[in-house]
Amino acid sequence: MKTFFKIMGASAFVAGAYLYSRKETPAEFIARTKKTLQAQKEAVSDWQTAYTDFKKSMAHFKDQLPELTSTINALQRDIDEAMFQIQPRVDEINKVTSKMGKSDN
């Protein structure tokens, strides 16, 4: 029991010293603490809302992923086909430019 009273007395002393050093009354301390706790509760609530929104967005993205993959594959096929059709022309242009470079010398 003595230890309990010693701990309570030491805690009261530390709390008093803290309030004195901040030049704050116990009522001001309680009001500030309530305000801080309320702000932290709101921050946690905002974070939870943002996390829930993120999870919904990620689920929507995963639902759209097969369509995105098929679109990318179709684009890649179109690009490959265009490159196949353009390549002979690019080769011809390279031949002409190399002949022009050789004739300049």
PDB file of N, CA and C in Angstrom:
ATOM      1  N   MET A   1       0.813  -1.177   0.000  1.00  0.00           N
ATOM      2  CA  MET A   1       0.000   0.000   0.000  1.00  0.00           C
ATOM      3  C   MET A   1       0.865   1.252   0.000  1.00  0.00           C
ATOM      4  N   LYS A   2       1.994   1.193   0.744  1.00  0.00           N
ATOM      5  CA  LYS A   2       2.888   2.348   0.784  1.00  0.00           C
ATOM      6  C   LYS A   2       3.437   2.641  -0.609  1.00  0.00           C
ATOM      7  N   THR A   3       3.755   1.581  -1.336  1.00  0.00           N
ATOM      8  CA  THR A   3       4.311   1.751  -2.679  1.00  0.00           C
ATOM      9  C   THR A   3       3.298   2.445  -3.576  1.00  0.00           C
ATOM     10  N   PHE A   4       2.036   2.064  -3.451  1.00  0.00           N
ATOM     11  CA  PHE A   4       0.981   2.686  -4.247  1.00  0.00           C
ATOM     12  C   PHE A   4       0.917   4.187  -3.962  1.00  0.00           C
ATOM     13  N   PHE A   5       0.957   4.556  -2.688  1.00  0.00           N
ATOM     14  CA  PHE A   5       0.902   5.970  -2.329  1.00  0.00           C
ATOM     15  C   PHE A   5       2.146   6.717  -2.799  1.00  0.00           C
ATOM     16  N   LYS A   6       3.280   6.052  -2.762  1.00  0.00           N
ATOM     17  CA  LYS A   6       4.515   6.677  -3.243  1.00  0.00           C
ATOM     18  C   LYS A   6       4.416   6.936  -4.743  1.00  0.00           C
ATOM     19  N   ILE A   7       3.911   5.948  -5.479  1.00  0.00           N
ATOM     20  CA  ILE A   7       3.773   6.112  -6.926  1.00  0.00           C
ATOM     21  C   ILE A   7       2.763   7.212  -7.240  1.00  0.00           C
ATOM     22  N   MET A   8       1.657   7.227  -6.539  1.00  0.00           N
ATOM     23  CA  MET A   8       0.645   8.275  -6.751  1.00  0.00           C
ATOM     24  C   MET A   8       1.211   9.649  -6.413  1.00  0.00           C
ATOM     25  N   GLY A   9       1.959   9.755  -5.319  1.00  0.00           N
ATOM     26  CA  GLY A   9       2.561  11.032  -4.930  1.00  0.00           C
ATOM     27  C   GLY A   9       3.582  11.489  -5.958  1.00  0.00           C
ATOM     28  N   ALA A  10       4.409  10.567  -6.446  1.00  0.00           N
ATOM     29  CA  ALA A  10       5.407  10.916  -7.450  1.00  0.00           C
ATOM     30  C   ALA A  10       4.729  11.337  -8.745  1.00  0.00           C
ATOM     31  N   SER A  11       3.669  10.635  -9.111  1.00  0.00           N
ATOM     32  CA  SER A  11       2.934  10.981 -10.330  1.00  0.00           C
ATOM     33  C   SER A  11       2.308  12.367 -10.207  1.00  0.00           C
ATOM     34  N   ALA A  12       1.731  12.650  -9.073  1.00  0.00           N
ATOM     35  CA  ALA A  12       1.126  13.961  -8.843  1.00  0.00           C
ATOM     36  C   ALA A  12       2.192  15.050  -8.890  1.00  0.00           C
ATOM     37  N   PHE A  13       3.350  14.772  -8.296  1.00  0.00           N
ATOM     38  CA  PHE A  13       4.443  15.748  -8.321  1.00  0.00           C
ATOM     39  C   PHE A  13       4.902  16.019  -9.755  1.00  0.00           C
ATOM     40  N   VAL A  14       5.093  14.947 -10.528  1.00  0.00           N
ATOM     41  CA  VAL A  14       5.538  15.100 -11.923  1.00  0.00           C
ATOM     42  C   VAL A  14       4.487  15.849 -12.730  1.00  0.00           C
ATOM     43  N   ALA A  15       3.204  15.510 -12.528  1.00  0.00           N
ATOM     44  CA  ALA A  15       2.133  16.202 -13.247  1.00  0.00           C
ATOM     45  C   ALA A  15       2.112  17.681 -12.869  1.00  0.00           C
ATOM     46  N   GLY A  16       2.280  17.970 -11.588  1.00  0.00           N
ATOM     47  CA  GLY A  16       2.321  19.367 -11.144  1.00  0.00           C
ATOM     48  C   GLY A  16       3.508  20.104 -11.732  1.00  0.00           C
ATOM     49  N   ALA A  17       4.658  19.474 -11.758  1.00  0.00           N
ATOM     50  CA  ALA A  17       5.851  20.111 -12.328  1.00  0.00           C
ATOM     51  C   ALA A  17       5.658  20.366 -13.816  1.00  0.00           C
ATOM     52  N   TYR A  18       5.049  19.402 -14.506  1.00  0.00           N
ATOM     53  CA  TYR A  18       4.797  19.567 -15.931  1.00  0.00           C
ATOM     54  C   TYR A  18       3.866  20.748 -16.175  1.00  0.00           C
ATOM     55  N   LEU A  19       2.767  20.807 -15.430  1.00  0.00           N
ATOM     56  CA  LEU A  19       1.816  21.915 -15.593  1.00  0.00           C
ATOM     57  C   LEU A  19       2.468  23.250 -15.244  1.00  0.00           C
ATOM     58  N   TYR A  20       3.277  23.264 -14.193  1.00  0.00           N
ATOM     59  CA  TYR A  20       3.948  24.503 -13.793  1.00  0.00           C
ATOM     60  C   TYR A  20       4.932  24.964 -14.879  1.00  0.00           C
ATOM     61  N   SER A  21       5.673  24.004 -15.449  1.00  0.00           N
ATOM     62  CA  SER A  21       6.659  24.378 -16.463  1.00  0.00           C
ATOM     63  C   SER A  21       5.981  24.908 -17.728  1.00  0.00           C
ATOM     64  N   ARG A  22       4.780  24.452 -18.022  1.00  0.00           N
ATOM     65  CA  ARG A  22       4.057  24.929 -19.203  1.00  0.00           C
ATOM     66  C   ARG A  22       3.146  26.103 -18.862  1.00  0.00           C
ATOM     67  N   LYS A  23       3.138  26.487 -17.606  1.00  0.00           N
ATOM     68  CA  LYS A  23       2.275  27.564 -17.122  1.00  0.00           C
ATOM     69  C   LYS A  23       0.834  27.320 -17.571  1.00  0.00           C
ATOM     70  N   GLU A  24       0.344  26.137 -17.184  1.00  0.00           N
ATOM     71  CA  GLU A  24      -0.962  25.681 -17.624  1.00  0.00           C
ATOM     72  C   GLU A  24      -1.747  25.177 -16.422  1.00  0.00           C
ATOM     73  N   THR A  25      -3.021  25.512 -16.379  1.00  0.00           N
ATOM     74  CA  THR A  25      -3.867  25.014 -15.298  1.00  0.00           C
ATOM     75  C   THR A  25      -4.326  23.599 -15.651  1.00  0.00           C
ATOM     76  N   PRO A  26      -4.762  22.848 -14.658  1.00  0.00           N
ATOM     77  CA  PRO A  26      -5.270  21.504 -14.963  1.00  0.00           C
ATOM     78  C   PRO A  26      -6.444  21.531 -15.956  1.00  0.00           C
ATOM     79  N   ALA A  27      -7.311  22.537 -15.854  1.00  0.00           N
ATOM     80  CA  ALA A  27      -8.447  22.636 -16.783  1.00  0.00           C
ATOM     81  C   ALA A  27      -7.955  22.874 -18.207  1.00  0.00           C
ATOM     82  N   GLU A  28      -6.938  23.725 -18.352  1.00  0.00           N
ATOM     83  CA  GLU A  28      -6.368  23.985 -19.686  1.00  0.00           C
ATOM     84  C   GLU A  28      -5.704  22.718 -20.229  1.00  0.00           C
ATOM     85  N   PHE A  29      -5.024  22.000 -19.347  1.00  0.00           N
ATOM     86  CA  PHE A  29      -4.380  20.755 -19.756  1.00  0.00           C
ATOM     87  C   PHE A  29      -5.421  19.754 -20.250  1.00  0.00           C
ATOM     88  N   ILE A  30      -6.516  19.618 -19.511  1.00  0.00           N
ATOM     89  CA  ILE A  30      -7.573  18.676 -19.899  1.00  0.00           C
ATOM     90  C   ILE A  30      -8.205  19.101 -21.224  1.00  0.00           C
ATOM     91  N   ALA A  31      -8.457  20.416 -21.370  1.00  0.00           N
ATOM     92  CA  ALA A  31      -9.054  20.910 -22.620  1.00  0.00           C
ATOM     93  C   ALA A  31      -8.119  20.651 -23.800  1.00  0.00           C
ATOM     94  N   ARG A  32      -6.826  20.918 -23.609  1.00  0.00           N
ATOM     95  CA  ARG A  32      -5.848  20.699 -24.680  1.00  0.00           C
ATOM     96  C   ARG A  32      -5.740  19.215 -25.015  1.00  0.00           C
ATOM     97  N   THR A  33      -5.770  18.376 -23.993  1.00  0.00           N
ATOM     98  CA  THR A  33      -5.685  16.934 -24.206  1.00  0.00           C
ATOM     99  C   THR A  33      -6.909  16.430 -24.964  1.00  0.00           C
ATOM    100  N   LYS A  34      -8.102  16.916 -24.585  1.00  0.00           N
ATOM    101  CA  LYS A  34      -9.318  16.522 -25.300  1.00  0.00           C
ATOM    102  C   LYS A  34      -9.246  16.937 -26.765  1.00  0.00           C
ATOM    103  N   LYS A  35      -8.769  18.162 -26.979  1.00  0.00           N
ATOM    104  CA  LYS A  35      -8.657  18.684 -28.346  1.00  0.00           C
ATOM    105  C   LYS A  35      -7.676  17.838 -29.168  1.00  0.00           C
ATOM    106  N   THR A  36      -6.560  17.478 -28.561  1.00  0.00           N
ATOM    107  CA  THR A  36      -5.557  16.662 -29.249  1.00  0.00           C
ATOM    108  C   THR A  36      -6.106  15.276 -29.552  1.00  0.00           C
ATOM    109  N   LEU A  37      -6.777  14.674 -28.578  1.00  0.00           N
ATOM    110  CA  LEU A  37      -7.354  13.349 -28.794  1.00  0.00           C
ATOM    111  C   LEU A  37      -8.425  13.378 -29.876  1.00  0.00           C
ATOM    112  N   GLN A  38      -9.239  14.433 -29.892  1.00  0.00           N
ATOM    113  CA  GLN A  38     -10.279  14.559 -30.924  1.00  0.00           C
ATOM    114  C   GLN A  38      -9.639  14.688 -32.305  1.00  0.00           C
ATOM    115  N   ALA A  39      -8.577  15.474 -32.398  1.00  0.00           N
ATOM    116  CA  ALA A  39      -7.876  15.631 -33.680  1.00  0.00           C
ATOM    117  C   ALA A  39      -7.287  14.296 -34.137  1.00  0.00           C
ATOM    118  N   GLN A  40      -6.736  13.539 -33.195  1.00  0.00           N
ATOM    119  CA  GLN A  40      -6.175  12.242 -33.556  1.00  0.00           C
ATOM    120  C   GLN A  40      -7.266  11.249 -33.952  1.00  0.00           C
ATOM    121  N   LYS A  41      -8.417  11.299 -33.287  1.00  0.00           N
ATOM    122  CA  LYS A  41      -9.533  10.434 -33.671  1.00  0.00           C
ATOM    123  C   LYS A  41      -9.994  10.756 -35.087  1.00  0.00           C
ATOM    124  N   GLU A  42     -10.060  12.052 -35.413  1.00  0.00           N
ATOM    125  CA  GLU A  42     -10.456  12.465 -36.760  1.00  0.00           C
ATOM    126  C   GLU A  42      -9.420  12.015 -37.792  1.00  0.00           C
ATOM    127  N   ALA A  43      -8.142  12.114 -37.435  1.00  0.00           N
ATOM    128  CA  ALA A  43      -7.086  11.672 -38.350  1.00  0.00           C
ATOM    129  C   ALA A  43      -7.178  10.171 -38.600  1.00  0.00           C
ATOM    130  N   VAL A  44      -7.442   9.405 -37.557  1.00  0.00           N
ATOM    131  CA  VAL A  44      -7.594   7.957 -37.711  1.00  0.00           C
ATOM    132  C   VAL A  44      -8.813   7.652 -38.576  1.00  0.00           C
ATOM    133  N   SER A  45      -9.889   8.367 -38.344  1.00  0.00           N
ATOM    134  CA  SER A  45     -11.104   8.173 -39.141  1.00  0.00           C
ATOM    135  C   SER A  45     -10.836   8.504 -40.611  1.00  0.00           C
ATOM    136  N   ASP A  46     -10.131   9.606 -40.862  1.00  0.00           N
ATOM    137  CA  ASP A  46      -9.779   9.983 -42.233  1.00  0.00           C
ATOM    138  C   ASP A  46      -8.903   8.913 -42.871  1.00  0.00           C
ATOM    139  N   TRP A  47      -7.954   8.388 -42.110  1.00  0.00           N
ATOM    140  CA  TRP A  47      -7.067   7.358 -42.648  1.00  0.00           C
ATOM    141  C   TRP A  47      -7.862   6.102 -42.990  1.00  0.00           C
ATOM    142  N   GLN A  48      -8.785   5.716 -42.099  1.00  0.00           N
ATOM    143  CA  GLN A  48      -9.597   4.525 -42.352  1.00  0.00           C
ATOM    144  C   GLN A  48     -10.455   4.708 -43.602  1.00  0.00           C
ATOM    145  N   THR A  49     -11.007   5.899 -43.773  1.00  0.00           N
ATOM    146  CA  THR A  49     -11.807   6.179 -44.966  1.00  0.00           C
ATOM    147  C   THR A  49     -10.941   6.101 -46.218  1.00  0.00           C
ATOM    148  N   ALA A  50      -9.753   6.696 -46.151  1.00  0.00           N
ATOM    149  CA  ALA A  50      -8.846   6.654 -47.295  1.00  0.00           C
ATOM    150  C   ALA A  50      -8.421   5.224 -47.604  1.00  0.00           C
ATOM    151  N   TYR A  51      -8.175   4.442 -46.580  1.00  0.00           N
ATOM    152  CA  TYR A  51      -7.769   3.045 -46.773  1.00  0.00           C
ATOM    153  C   TYR A  51      -8.905   2.250 -47.413  1.00  0.00           C
ATOM    154  N   THR A  52     -10.126   2.469 -46.952  1.00  0.00           N
ATOM    155  CA  THR A  52     -11.286   1.789 -47.531  1.00  0.00           C
ATOM    156  C   THR A  52     -11.457   2.178 -49.001  1.00  0.00           C
ATOM    157  N   ASP A  53     -11.310   3.472 -49.296  1.00  0.00           N
ATOM    158  CA  ASP A  53     -11.400   3.931 -50.680  1.00  0.00           C
ATOM    159  C   ASP A  53     -10.304   3.310 -51.533  1.00  0.00           C
ATOM    160  N   PHE A  54      -9.106   3.202 -50.973  1.00  0.00           N
ATOM    161  CA  PHE A  54      -8.000   2.584 -51.702  1.00  0.00           C
ATOM    162  C   PHE A  54      -8.306   1.123 -52.015  1.00  0.00           C
ATOM    163  N   LYS A  55      -8.836   0.401 -51.031  1.00  0.00           N
ATOM    164  CA  LYS A  55      -9.164  -1.010 -51.251  1.00  0.00           C
ATOM    165  C   LYS A  55     -10.228  -1.151 -52.343  1.00  0.00           C
ATOM    166  N   LYS A  56     -11.229  -0.259 -52.338  1.00  0.00           N
ATOM    167  CA  LYS A  56     -12.259  -0.298 -53.374  1.00  0.00           C
ATOM    168  C   LYS A  56     -11.653  -0.013 -54.744  1.00  0.00           C
ATOM    169  N   SER A  57     -10.778   0.978 -54.804  1.00  0.00           N
ATOM    170  CA  SER A  57     -10.128   1.319 -56.074  1.00  0.00           C
ATOM    171  C   SER A  57      -9.255   0.177 -56.567  1.00  0.00           C
ATOM    172  N   MET A  58      -8.550  -0.477 -55.665  1.00  0.00           N
ATOM    173  CA  MET A  58      -7.703  -1.604 -56.054  1.00  0.00           C
ATOM    174  C   MET A  58      -8.547  -2.764 -56.562  1.00  0.00           C
ATOM    175  N   ALA A  59      -9.680  -3.014 -55.925  1.00  0.00           N
ATOM    176  CA  ALA A  59     -10.578  -4.077 -56.385  1.00  0.00           C
ATOM    177  C   ALA A  59     -11.117  -3.747 -57.775  1.00  0.00           C
ATOM    178  N   HIS A  60     -11.484  -2.489 -57.990  1.00  0.00           N
ATOM    179  CA  HIS A  60     -11.967  -2.061 -59.306  1.00  0.00           C
ATOM    180  C   HIS A  60     -10.866  -2.218 -60.359  1.00  0.00           C
ATOM    181  N   PHE A  61      -9.661  -1.843 -60.008  1.00  0.00           N
ATOM    182  CA  PHE A  61      -8.524  -1.994 -60.926  1.00  0.00           C
ATOM    183  C   PHE A  61      -8.316  -3.469 -61.278  1.00  0.00           C
ATOM    184  N   LYS A  62      -8.374  -4.332 -60.281  1.00  0.00           N
ATOM    185  CA  LYS A  62      -8.205  -5.767 -60.531  1.00  0.00           C
ATOM    186  C   LYS A  62      -9.321  -6.302 -61.433  1.00  0.00           C
ATOM    187  N   ASP A  63     -10.537  -5.764 -61.268  1.00  0.00           N
ATOM    188  CA  ASP A  63     -11.638  -6.173 -62.138  1.00  0.00           C
ATOM    189  C   ASP A  63     -11.387  -5.746 -63.583  1.00  0.00           C
ATOM    190  N   GLN A  64     -10.753  -4.597 -63.764  1.00  0.00           N
ATOM    191  CA  GLN A  64     -10.497  -4.060 -65.098  1.00  0.00           C
ATOM    192  C   GLN A  64      -9.223  -4.614 -65.722  1.00  0.00           C
ATOM    193  N   LEU A  65      -8.418  -5.295 -64.963  1.00  0.00           N
ATOM    194  CA  LEU A  65      -7.116  -5.777 -65.433  1.00  0.00           C
ATOM    195  C   LEU A  65      -7.205  -6.689 -66.656  1.00  0.00           C
ATOM    196  N   PRO A  66      -8.123  -7.657 -66.726  1.00  0.00           N
ATOM    197  CA  PRO A  66      -8.192  -8.490 -67.933  1.00  0.00           C
ATOM    198  C   PRO A  66      -8.466  -7.668 -69.202  1.00  0.00           C
ATOM    199  N   GLU A  67      -9.355  -6.695 -69.089  1.00  0.00           N
ATOM    200  CA  GLU A  67      -9.654  -5.839 -70.247  1.00  0.00           C
ATOM    201  C   GLU A  67      -8.424  -5.012 -70.638  1.00  0.00           C
ATOM    202  N   LEU A  68      -7.726  -4.507 -69.638  1.00  0.00           N
ATOM    203  CA  LEU A  68      -6.509  -3.744 -69.886  1.00  0.00           C
ATOM    204  C   LEU A  68      -5.451  -4.609 -70.565  1.00  0.00           C
ATOM    205  N   THR A  69      -5.313  -5.839 -70.093  1.00  0.00           N
ATOM    206  CA  THR A  69      -4.330  -6.754 -70.677  1.00  0.00           C
ATOM    207  C   THR A  69      -4.665  -7.062 -72.128  1.00  0.00           C
ATOM    208  N   SER A  70      -5.939  -7.314 -72.418  1.00  0.00           N
ATOM    209  CA  SER A  70      -6.315  -7.604 -73.808  1.00  0.00           C
ATOM    210  C   SER A  70      -6.107  -6.384 -74.694  1.00  0.00           C
ATOM    211  N   THR A  71      -6.355  -5.186 -74.178  1.00  0.00           N
ATOM    212  CA  THR A  71      -6.122  -3.966 -74.944  1.00  0.00           C
ATOM    213  C   THR A  71      -4.640  -3.778 -75.231  1.00  0.00           C
ATOM    214  N   ILE A  72      -3.816  -4.020 -74.251  1.00  0.00           N
ATOM    215  CA  ILE A  72      -2.366  -3.894 -74.441  1.00  0.00           C
ATOM    216  C   ILE A  72      -1.874  -4.918 -75.460  1.00  0.00           C
ATOM    217  N   ASN A  73      -2.376  -6.133 -75.367  1.00  0.00           N
ATOM    218  CA  ASN A  73      -1.989  -7.164 -76.334  1.00  0.00           C
ATOM    219  C   ASN A  73      -2.414  -6.779 -77.753  1.00  0.00           C
ATOM    220  N   ALA A  74      -3.621  -6.241 -77.898  1.00  0.00           N
ATOM    221  CA  ALA A  74      -4.094  -5.807 -79.216  1.00  0.00           C
ATOM    222  C   ALA A  74      -3.223  -4.678 -79.754  1.00  0.00           C
ATOM    223  N   LEU A  75      -2.873  -3.738 -78.892  1.00  0.00           N
ATOM    224  CA  LEU A  75      -1.983  -2.645 -79.316  1.00  0.00           C
ATOM    225  C   LEU A  75      -0.623  -3.180 -79.749  1.00  0.00           C
ATOM    226  N   GLN A  76      -0.099  -4.133 -78.998  1.00  0.00           N
ATOM    227  CA  GLN A  76       1.205  -4.697 -79.338  1.00  0.00           C
ATOM    228  C   GLN A  76       1.144  -5.410 -80.687  1.00  0.00           C
ATOM    229  N   ARG A  77       0.060  -6.140 -80.946  1.00  0.00           N
ATOM    230  CA  ARG A  77      -0.106  -6.799 -82.247  1.00  0.00           C
ATOM    231  C   ARG A  77      -0.146  -5.768 -83.374  1.00  0.00           C
ATOM    232  N   ASP A  78      -0.903  -4.671 -83.145  1.00  0.00           N
ATOM    233  CA  ASP A  78      -0.989  -3.621 -84.164  1.00  0.00           C
ATOM    234  C   ASP A  78       0.374  -2.979 -84.408  1.00  0.00           C
ATOM    235  N   ILE A  79       1.120  -2.755 -83.347  1.00  0.00           N
ATOM    236  CA  ILE A  79       2.456  -2.159 -83.490  1.00  0.00           C
ATOM    237  C   ILE A  79       3.378  -3.108 -84.231  1.00  0.00           C
ATOM    238  N   ASP A  80       3.340  -4.372 -83.873  1.00  0.00           N
ATOM    239  CA  ASP A  80       4.186  -5.353 -84.561  1.00  0.00           C
ATOM    240  C   ASP A  80       3.844  -5.426 -86.046  1.00  0.00           C
ATOM    241  N   GLU A  81       2.555  -5.406 -86.358  1.00  0.00           N
ATOM    242  CA  GLU A  81       2.125  -5.453 -87.765  1.00  0.00           C
ATOM    243  C   GLU A  81       2.591  -4.212 -88.516  1.00  0.00           C
ATOM    244  N   ALA A  82       2.452  -3.049 -87.869  1.00  0.00           N
ATOM    245  CA  ALA A  82       2.900  -1.803 -88.516  1.00  0.00           C
ATOM    246  C   ALA A  82       4.404  -1.821 -88.726  1.00  0.00           C
ATOM    247  N   MET A  83       5.148  -2.310 -87.746  1.00  0.00           N
ATOM    248  CA  MET A  83       6.607  -2.393 -87.903  1.00  0.00           C
ATOM    249  C   MET A  83       6.980  -3.352 -89.024  1.00  0.00           C
ATOM    250  N   PHE A  84       6.237  -4.457 -89.152  1.00  0.00           N
ATOM    251  CA  PHE A  84       6.496  -5.423 -90.216  1.00  0.00           C
ATOM    252  C   PHE A  84       6.268  -4.769 -91.581  1.00  0.00           C
ATOM    253  N   GLN A  85       5.215  -3.951 -91.678  1.00  0.00           N
ATOM    254  CA  GLN A  85       4.912  -3.292 -92.951  1.00  0.00           C
ATOM    255  C   GLN A  85       5.879  -2.143 -93.243  1.00  0.00           C
ATOM    256  N   ILE A  86       6.356  -1.481 -92.212  1.00  0.00           N
ATOM    257  CA  ILE A  86       7.233  -0.325 -92.397  1.00  0.00           C
ATOM    258  C   ILE A  86       8.680  -0.744 -92.631  1.00  0.00           C
ATOM    259  N   GLN A  87       9.093  -1.868 -92.112  1.00  0.00           N
ATOM    260  CA  GLN A  87      10.503  -2.264 -92.135  1.00  0.00           C
ATOM    261  C   GLN A  87      11.123  -2.252 -93.541  1.00  0.00           C
ATOM    262  N   PRO A  88      10.459  -2.775 -94.581  1.00  0.00           N
ATOM    263  CA  PRO A  88      11.079  -2.706 -95.914  1.00  0.00           C
ATOM    264  C   PRO A  88      11.319  -1.268 -96.376  1.00  0.00           C
ATOM    265  N   ARG A  89      10.427  -0.375 -96.024  1.00  0.00           N
ATOM    266  CA  ARG A  89      10.588   1.035 -96.407  1.00  0.00           C
ATOM    267  C   ARG A  89      11.762   1.672 -95.642  1.00  0.00           C
ATOM    268  N   VAL A  90      11.871   1.317 -94.373  1.00  0.00           N
ATOM    269  CA  VAL A  90      12.994   1.825 -93.570  1.00  0.00           C
ATOM    270  C   VAL A  90      14.315   1.302 -94.139  1.00  0.00           C
ATOM    271  N   ASP A  91      14.344   0.040 -94.530  1.00  0.00           N
ATOM    272  CA  ASP A  91      15.553  -0.521 -95.136  1.00  0.00           C
ATOM    273  C   ASP A  91      15.894   0.217 -96.429  1.00  0.00           C
ATOM    274  N   GLU A  92      14.883   0.510 -97.234  1.00  0.00           N
ATOM    275  CA  GLU A  92      15.106   1.232 -98.496  1.00  0.00           C
ATOM    276  C   GLU A  92      15.640   2.631 -98.224  1.00  0.00           C
ATOM    277  N   ILE A  93      15.073   3.306 -97.220  1.00  0.00           N
ATOM    278  CA  ILE A  93      15.549   4.651 -96.862  1.00  0.00           C
ATOM    279  C   ILE A  93      16.995   4.587 -96.388  1.00  0.00           C
ATOM    280  N   ASN A  94      17.344   3.574 -95.609  1.00  0.00           N
ATOM    281  CA  ASN A  94      18.725   3.430 -95.133  1.00  0.00           C
ATOM    282  C   ASN A  94      19.689   3.198 -96.291  1.00  0.00           C
ATOM    283  N   LYS A  95      19.262   2.413 -97.294  1.00  0.00           N
ATOM    284  CA  LYS A  95      20.120   2.186 -98.470  1.00  0.00           C
ATOM    285  C   LYS A  95      20.376   3.490 -99.207  1.00  0.00           C
ATOM    286  N   VAL A  96      19.316   4.238 -99.430  1.00  0.00           N
ATOM    287  CA  VAL A  96      19.446   5.515-100.159  1.00  0.00           C
ATOM    288  C   VAL A  96      20.330   6.474 -99.391  1.00  0.00           C
ATOM    289  N   THR A  97      20.134   6.576 -98.080  1.00  0.00           N
ATOM    290  CA  THR A  97      20.943   7.528 -97.296  1.00  0.00           C
ATOM    291  C   THR A  97      22.406   7.072 -97.238  1.00  0.00           C
ATOM    292  N   SER A  98      22.650   5.760 -97.209  1.00  0.00           N
ATOM    293  CA  SER A  98      24.047   5.297 -97.206  1.00  0.00           C
ATOM    294  C   SER A  98      24.705   5.566 -98.547  1.00  0.00           C
ATOM    295  N   LYS A  99      23.940   5.417 -99.670  1.00  0.00           N
ATOM    296  CA  LYS A  99      24.477   5.747-100.995  1.00  0.00           C
ATOM    297  C   LYS A  99      24.771   7.242-101.103  1.00  0.00           C
ATOM    298  N   MET A 100      23.891   8.059-100.492  1.00  0.00           N
ATOM    299  CA  MET A 100      24.107   9.508-100.522  1.00  0.00           C
ATOM    300  C   MET A 100      25.343   9.878 -99.717  1.00  0.00           C
ATOM    301  N   GLY A 101      25.540   9.182 -98.618  1.00  0.00           N
ATOM    302  CA  GLY A 101      26.723   9.430 -97.795  1.00  0.00           C
ATOM    303  C   GLY A 101      27.995   9.033 -98.505  1.00  0.00           C
ATOM    304  N   LYS A 102      27.966   7.962 -99.281  1.00  0.00           N
ATOM    305  CA  LYS A 102      29.138   7.508-100.016  1.00  0.00           C
ATOM    306  C   LYS A 102      29.429   8.400-101.207  1.00  0.00           C
ATOM    307  N   SER A 103      28.383   8.950-101.838  1.00  0.00           N
ATOM    308  CA  SER A 103      28.589   9.811-103.008  1.00  0.00           C
ATOM    309  C   SER A 103      29.122  11.188-102.617  1.00  0.00           C
ATOM    310  N   ASP A 104      28.882  11.604-101.353  1.00  0.00           N
ATOM    311  CA  ASP A 104      29.411  12.899-100.875  1.00  0.00           C
ATOM    312  C   ASP A 104      30.922  12.851-100.726  1.00  0.00           C
ATOM    313  N   ASN A 105      31.489  11.708-100.465  1.00  0.00           N
ATOM    314  CA  ASN A 105      32.932  11.595-100.232  1.00  0.00           C
ATOM    315  C   ASN A 105      33.702  11.686-101.451  1.00  0.00           C
TER     316      ASN A 105
END
